[in-house]
Amino acid sequence: MGLLQGKAGLVTGGGVGIGRAICEAFSREGAKVLVADFNAETGEATAEAIRQSGGDAVFCKADVSDEAAVKAMVDKALESFGRLDIACNSAALSRGSGPIHKFEREVFDQTLEMCLTNAWLCMKYEITAMLEQGGGSIVNISSNSSLRGQANNTAYAAAKGGVNILTKSSAAEYGGEGIRINAVSPGVIRTPGVEQYFKEQPEIAEGLKRAAAMNRLGEPNEIAEAVVFLCSDRASFITGQLLSVDGGGAVK
C-alpha cells in the first residue's frame, strides 16, 4: 500500500519540472491527483501520463494568481474526488532579475504575486475545503534563495522568504484543526527552467552545480519524495517546518 493510498490531492504547477514529479509521486503512492497548471498542453500531458500508468488524474487549467481561478480549481478537485486531503503549492514564476536599484516596481510586484500571493490564495481555498472535512496536509515549495538571499534575484528570494513565514504562521493557526502545513526548500534542481537559466548565464552555471556538498544537481523526483513524506501520515506530528532538500547546499 502506498503512503498516500486513498487520498485526494492537488498540485499547482503540475505541468513540468518539480510540479510534474510531485504529481507522479502522489499517484504512485496511491493518491488521486488534480494537476493544475496555466499551460494546458503540459498540464494535460502530466494528467494523461498518470492515467496511462493506471492512476487517477484530472487536469485543471488555472492561473493561481487569480482568485476566481483558484476557487474554481479547488472546486474542481472537490467535484472530481469528493474531498481534498493533500495539496502542494509548487507554481511560481520569477518575472526578472538584476540589481535592486535597476529593478522596475511592476516586475517586483509581479514576482511577489506569482511567488507569494499565489501561494496564499491557494492556501485560502485549500484550507477552507480541509476545515470542512476535519483536516489535511499542505506543502508549499520554497527555495534555498529564501534562506540566505541571492544577489540579483532579490524579488524572488524575498517572495520565497514570505512563503516560509506564511507556512509557519498558518501552521500555528490551523494545527488545532487537524491541518498540517509545511514547506520544502529545494536547492539547485535539474528542471527545464534551470537548464534554460544555465544557457542564459553560462558563467555561473558551474558554480551552481558545485553549490551542494554532494557536488551535483538535485533531480525533481528528489523534491517529490520529500513532499510525499510530509503529506503522508508518517509525518503526522510535523507542521510548521521548512525542509531543505539541497544536497547540503546550506552547509557548504
Protein backbone atom coordinates (compact mmCIF):
# COMPACT_ATOMS: atom_id res chain seq x y z
CA MET A 1 0.00 0.00 0.00
CA GLY A 2 1.30 3.44 -0.93
CA LEU A 3 2.00 6.23 1.55
CA LEU A 4 -0.91 8.26 0.16
CA GLN A 5 -3.34 5.44 -0.53
CA GLY A 6 -6.93 6.64 -0.80
CA LYS A 7 -6.09 10.34 -0.52
CA ALA A 8 -7.21 13.06 -2.92
CA GLY A 9 -4.56 15.58 -3.87
CA LEU A 10 -3.93 18.79 -5.76
CA VAL A 11 -0.65 20.08 -7.21
CA THR A 12 -0.16 23.51 -8.75
CA GLY A 13 2.45 23.97 -11.43
CA GLY A 14 1.99 20.30 -12.25
CA GLY A 15 2.82 20.51 -15.94
CA VAL A 16 6.61 20.45 -15.79
CA GLY A 17 9.67 20.03 -13.59
CA ILE A 18 9.21 19.69 -9.86
CA GLY A 19 5.43 20.03 -10.07
CA ARG A 20 5.12 17.19 -12.54
CA ALA A 21 7.38 14.97 -10.45
CA ILE A 22 5.17 15.64 -7.41
CA CYS A 23 2.02 14.74 -9.35
CA GLU A 24 3.58 11.47 -10.49
CA ALA A 25 4.81 10.65 -6.99
CA PHE A 26 1.38 11.35 -5.48
CA SER A 27 -0.19 8.97 -7.96
CA ARG A 28 2.46 6.29 -7.49
CA GLU A 29 1.80 6.38 -3.74
CA GLY A 30 -1.93 5.84 -4.25
CA ALA A 31 -3.45 9.32 -4.39
CA LYS A 32 -5.90 10.72 -6.88
CA VAL A 33 -4.43 13.91 -8.34
CA LEU A 34 -5.76 17.16 -9.72
CA VAL A 35 -3.00 18.56 -11.93
CA ALA A 36 -3.23 22.36 -12.09
CA ASP A 37 -1.22 24.50 -14.50
CA PHE A 38 -1.72 27.61 -16.62
CA ASN A 39 -0.28 25.70 -19.59
CA ALA A 40 -3.00 23.36 -20.83
CA GLU A 41 -0.68 21.34 -23.06
CA THR A 42 1.86 20.39 -20.40
CA GLY A 43 -0.70 20.06 -17.63
CA GLU A 44 -2.90 17.70 -19.58
CA ALA A 45 0.19 15.74 -20.63
CA THR A 46 1.01 15.12 -16.97
CA ALA A 47 -2.55 14.00 -16.22
CA GLU A 48 -2.61 11.73 -19.25
CA ALA A 49 0.73 10.14 -18.33
CA ILE A 50 -0.66 9.34 -14.88
CA ARG A 51 -3.81 7.84 -16.37
CA GLN A 52 -1.74 5.77 -18.80
CA SER A 53 0.15 4.40 -15.81
CA GLY A 54 -3.10 3.32 -14.17
CA GLY A 55 -3.55 6.30 -11.88
CA ASP A 56 -6.49 8.66 -11.42
CA ALA A 57 -5.79 12.23 -12.54
CA VAL A 58 -7.69 15.20 -13.90
CA PHE A 59 -6.34 18.44 -15.32
CA CYS A 60 -7.46 21.95 -14.44
CA LYS A 61 -6.18 25.00 -16.28
CA ALA A 62 -5.59 27.65 -13.63
CA ASP A 63 -3.69 30.90 -13.21
CA VAL A 64 -3.15 30.66 -9.46
CA SER A 65 -2.52 34.39 -9.14
CA ASP A 66 -6.22 34.87 -9.97
CA GLU A 67 -8.54 34.29 -7.01
CA ALA A 68 -11.54 33.19 -9.06
CA ALA A 69 -9.38 30.65 -10.89
CA VAL A 70 -8.02 29.30 -7.60
CA LYS A 71 -11.51 28.85 -6.19
CA ALA A 72 -12.58 27.08 -9.37
CA MET A 73 -9.52 24.83 -9.15
CA VAL A 74 -10.30 23.69 -5.61
CA ASP A 75 -13.98 23.30 -6.50
CA LYS A 76 -12.99 21.02 -9.38
CA ALA A 77 -10.89 18.88 -7.05
CA LEU A 78 -13.85 18.53 -4.71
CA GLU A 79 -16.21 17.75 -7.57
CA SER A 80 -13.81 15.18 -9.03
CA PHE A 81 -12.78 13.39 -5.85
CA GLY A 82 -15.31 14.40 -3.19
CA ARG A 83 -12.63 15.74 -0.83
CA LEU A 84 -9.16 17.29 -0.67
CA ASP A 85 -6.69 15.59 1.66
CA ILE A 86 -3.33 16.85 0.42
CA ALA A 87 -2.10 19.79 -1.61
CA CYS A 88 1.25 21.03 -2.87
CA ASN A 89 1.63 24.64 -3.98
CA SER A 90 4.51 24.43 -6.43
CA ALA A 91 3.60 27.02 -9.06
CA ALA A 92 5.92 30.04 -9.12
CA LEU A 93 7.30 32.40 -11.74
CA SER A 94 10.02 34.99 -11.28
CA ARG A 95 9.47 37.95 -13.59
CA GLY A 96 13.03 39.20 -13.74
CA SER A 97 16.47 39.55 -12.20
CA GLY A 98 19.03 42.27 -11.69
CA PRO A 99 20.30 44.76 -9.11
CA ILE A 100 17.72 46.39 -6.84
CA HIS A 101 18.41 49.95 -7.99
CA LYS A 102 17.56 48.99 -11.57
CA PHE A 103 14.52 46.85 -10.77
CA GLU A 104 11.15 48.06 -12.04
CA ARG A 105 8.34 48.28 -9.49
CA GLU A 106 5.99 46.42 -11.84
CA VAL A 107 8.38 43.49 -12.18
CA PHE A 108 8.92 43.33 -8.41
CA ASP A 109 5.17 43.34 -7.77
CA GLN A 110 4.56 40.67 -10.40
CA THR A 111 7.19 38.42 -8.84
CA LEU A 112 5.58 38.76 -5.41
CA GLU A 113 2.19 37.99 -6.96
CA MET A 114 3.42 34.89 -8.79
CA CYS A 115 5.57 33.51 -5.97
CA LEU A 116 3.90 34.57 -2.70
CA THR A 117 0.39 35.91 -3.21
CA ASN A 118 -0.49 32.87 -5.33
CA ALA A 119 0.55 30.53 -2.50
CA TRP A 120 -1.66 32.47 -0.05
CA LEU A 121 -4.62 32.31 -2.45
CA CYS A 122 -4.22 28.57 -2.90
CA MET A 123 -3.97 28.01 0.84
CA LYS A 124 -7.06 30.14 1.47
CA TYR A 125 -9.27 27.78 -0.54
CA GLU A 126 -7.42 24.55 0.24
CA ILE A 127 -7.73 25.24 3.96
CA THR A 128 -11.43 26.07 3.57
CA ALA A 129 -12.00 22.66 1.99
CA MET A 130 -9.91 20.86 4.60
CA LEU A 131 -11.66 22.55 7.51
CA GLU A 132 -14.99 21.20 6.29
CA GLN A 133 -13.69 17.62 6.29
CA GLY A 134 -11.70 17.82 9.52
CA GLY A 135 -8.08 18.04 8.37
CA GLY A 136 -5.46 17.68 5.68
CA SER A 137 -1.87 18.43 4.77
CA ILE A 138 -0.38 21.23 2.66
CA VAL A 139 3.19 21.58 1.43
CA ASN A 140 4.47 24.81 -0.10
CA ILE A 141 7.51 24.86 -2.35
CA SER A 142 10.01 27.47 -1.20
CA SER A 143 13.63 27.96 -2.32
CA ASN A 144 17.05 27.98 -0.74
CA SER A 145 17.40 31.55 -2.04
CA SER A 146 15.00 32.48 0.77
CA LEU A 147 17.43 31.25 3.43
CA ARG A 148 20.47 33.40 2.70
CA GLY A 149 19.41 35.71 -0.10
CA GLN A 150 20.56 35.68 -3.70
CA ALA A 151 22.27 38.57 -5.44
CA ASN A 152 20.40 39.90 -8.46
CA ASN A 153 17.41 37.71 -7.60
CA THR A 154 16.12 39.70 -4.65
CA ALA A 155 12.45 39.81 -5.59
CA TYR A 156 12.23 36.03 -5.90
CA ALA A 157 14.24 35.44 -2.71
CA ALA A 158 12.07 37.91 -0.79
CA ALA A 159 8.87 36.32 -2.09
CA LYS A 160 10.01 32.84 -1.10
CA GLY A 161 11.03 34.18 2.31
CA GLY A 162 7.42 35.28 2.61
CA VAL A 163 6.31 31.75 1.72
CA ASN A 164 8.36 30.45 4.66
CA ILE A 165 6.64 32.74 7.16
CA LEU A 166 3.25 32.15 5.54
CA THR A 167 3.84 28.44 6.10
CA LYS A 168 4.85 28.81 9.75
CA SER A 169 2.10 31.29 10.65
CA SER A 170 -0.66 29.28 9.02
CA ALA A 171 0.62 26.08 10.65
CA ALA A 172 0.19 27.79 14.03
CA GLU A 173 -3.32 28.90 13.09
CA TYR A 174 -4.63 25.54 11.90
CA GLY A 175 -2.64 22.92 13.82
CA GLY A 176 -5.52 22.50 16.24
CA GLU A 177 -7.90 21.94 13.32
CA GLY A 178 -6.04 18.89 12.03
CA ILE A 179 -4.33 20.69 9.16
CA ARG A 180 -0.57 20.34 8.87
CA ILE A 181 1.31 22.92 6.79
CA ASN A 182 4.99 22.60 5.88
CA ALA A 183 7.38 23.77 3.18
CA VAL A 184 10.13 22.16 1.13
CA SER A 185 13.07 24.32 0.10
CA PRO A 186 14.86 22.96 -2.99
CA GLY A 187 18.45 23.64 -3.82
CA VAL A 188 19.56 23.70 -7.46
CA ILE A 189 17.34 21.16 -9.21
CA ARG A 190 17.65 19.94 -12.78
CA THR A 191 14.43 21.37 -14.24
CA PRO A 192 13.74 22.84 -17.70
CA GLY A 193 13.80 26.31 -16.12
CA VAL A 194 17.20 25.76 -14.52
CA GLU A 195 18.64 24.30 -17.72
CA GLN A 196 17.45 27.40 -19.59
CA TYR A 197 18.99 29.60 -16.88
CA PHE A 198 22.31 27.83 -17.38
CA LYS A 199 22.16 28.59 -21.09
CA GLU A 200 21.43 32.27 -20.43
CA GLN A 201 24.01 32.63 -17.61
CA PRO A 202 26.80 30.15 -18.51
CA GLU A 203 29.33 31.98 -16.34
CA ILE A 204 27.54 30.96 -13.13
CA ALA A 205 26.33 27.52 -14.21
CA GLU A 206 29.36 25.60 -12.97
CA GLY A 207 29.33 27.39 -9.62
CA LEU A 208 25.70 26.48 -9.06
CA LYS A 209 26.36 22.88 -9.97
CA ARG A 210 29.04 22.76 -7.27
CA ALA A 211 26.90 24.61 -4.70
CA ALA A 212 25.84 21.41 -2.97
CA ALA A 213 28.09 19.47 -0.63
CA MET A 214 27.21 16.44 -2.74
CA ASN A 215 28.65 18.21 -5.83
CA ARG A 216 25.71 17.57 -8.12
CA LEU A 217 22.34 18.93 -9.10
CA GLY A 218 19.22 17.59 -7.49
CA GLU A 219 16.53 15.85 -9.51
CA PRO A 220 12.80 16.75 -9.45
CA ASN A 221 11.87 13.34 -8.05
CA GLU A 222 14.08 14.00 -5.01
CA ILE A 223 11.93 17.00 -4.13
CA ALA A 224 8.79 14.97 -4.79
CA GLU A 225 9.85 12.29 -2.30
CA ALA A 226 10.14 14.90 0.46
CA VAL A 227 6.71 16.30 -0.39
CA VAL A 228 5.15 12.83 -0.33
CA PHE A 229 6.60 12.18 3.12
CA LEU A 230 5.33 15.47 4.56
CA CYS A 231 1.87 14.84 3.12
CA SER A 232 1.74 11.29 4.43
CA ASP A 233 0.60 10.04 7.83
CA ARG A 234 4.23 9.19 8.60
CA ALA A 235 4.71 12.94 9.16
CA SER A 236 1.67 13.17 11.42
CA PHE A 237 3.46 15.21 14.14
CA ILE A 238 5.30 17.55 11.75
CA THR A 239 3.93 21.00 10.99
CA GLY A 240 5.30 24.49 10.51
CA GLN A 241 8.65 23.17 9.26
CA LEU A 242 10.91 24.13 6.36
CA LEU A 243 12.80 21.14 4.96
CA SER A 244 15.81 21.94 2.75
CA VAL A 245 16.38 19.36 0.03
CA ASP A 246 19.59 20.72 -1.39
CA GLY A 247 22.35 18.11 -1.24
CA GLY A 248 23.95 20.01 1.63
CA GLY A 249 23.99 23.38 -0.09
CA ALA A 250 23.01 25.17 3.09
CA VAL A 251 26.04 23.83 4.96
CA LYS A 252 28.74 24.06 2.29
